[in-house]
């Protein structure tokens, strides 16, 4: 494959019409004769939000406002690979101008699918015109422009009632499901009932393992695997926050290795040959529905860590309605987890141009509901949508580079003091961001501005306000410092030449900044 191309595409809306571009002017145009939206390639240093506004103006003369990210498309065609961020926009100003790439026309939405479109465009335009809120597709073309079969590709969609709407896709994954949940939340928010209704409708047998604890242990994974083997399951459905989703991936792996115990989960060099996995998130922080990561607790050595197997869900179904019953503390802690994923993916020695796109897109969406987290107003359906999208983008952002120093520092507070994961990580976020700014890490200041804070101190006060008081045992802070400062692999994840003094400043940031 050649270098990954990063692009945006926008469908500007006016009442029940889309502004479409008929590509008939540009020489040697791969899109010649096709009708598409407006957009183009990112320039160096641009975010996807900045790119879509610039491209819309350059091609139409219109200045779009508040463009809404609706999905991400991964295109491949022989040696060409492209990641496209798809937007809609219904707010704009200015006077439409002629375009040197084609003819611009307002087309009734009911007629758009009748135009000469790429086959893949038919798929995602149908999603844009439905109740779909966010999606991810892999679309693969051959050299003749024919869309290939995509049934074996990762698939993520967020829309109301999508568990029911995509019941055929769930049923296609196996004949008996192991449903993996925590003890209560899946029943409370209705997600378990939704899944049971789908399986019963499709005549798919199932059994339920509802003993997944927060920060699931490797022993729990083995017990769930043994339960699944005894019941003859052939696929796994994870429902809940990060713990059940991460557990579902590990269980699906261990189910394919009935003679192995939990130690197999951390062996390296083995094939990734898990049973199919469906991920149904019910909180807004983990992003596990969009990552290949499974983080488990290893009590024998008193630590947490990711298993070395990359296990992407075969199908991820995201429905904002499951947030309606979430307590404010769950919303706060999981939204903070999403924030940490977005920041750490960008402030990371392994960050890429693609992860940067996800980072800034996610931070922009995340910032829209800050006043819900502070309690200044009640959450709306739009807030629930944005919280879920930000969480998914956070998962996409860390899928490549992973997390960095704040996550490494957090485990002591989680394991010894019982802190919620999102809160434990973000205890160290202000100090980490401050050291990145001090070391002039690219984008650090821009990330802070994107989430609407004028200073690191303002961010620190925000975290304290929504989740405080933050008062860990000082001895645990010393322990976590010692664990990380001597861990070269963890220290090397910082995007600058980190020193022990830098790490100490992160650990002591809240103690040094009285809130």
Foldseek 3Di string as FASTA:
>chain_A
DPDEFEKEFEFEDDPQWTWWFQQDADPPDPQHRAIGGWMTTDDPPDARVRRRQVRCCQFWVKGFDPWAFAEWEWEEEVPYTYIYTYTYTHGIDGHTDHGNRGGIDIDGLVCVLVGRHQPVCNVVSVCVPDQWRYWYYYWYAYNVSDTDDGLQDAIETEGALVCQVCLVNVVVQFQEEEEFEAAPLCVVLVVVVSNVVSCVVVVRHYDYDHHFDVQGALQSLQVSLVVCVVVVTQAYEFEEAQRSLLSRQSNQQCNVVVPDGSVVQADPDDDRDGGAYEYEYLAQAALSQQAQWRWHAYVVVLWIDTGPGRHHHNYYYYYLSSCPPPDLVRNLLRLLNLLQLLLQLQQWQFHDPVLVNLSLVLLLLSLVCLCCLLVVDPDDSSNSSSSNSSNNSSSNSCNGRHGADLQLLQSLCCRPVVDRNSLSSVLLVLLLLVVCVVVVPPCSCVSCVSSPDPHSLRVVVSSCSNPDDDDDDVVSLVVSLVVQQPDVVRCNTGNDNDDSVSSVCSSCVCVVPPD
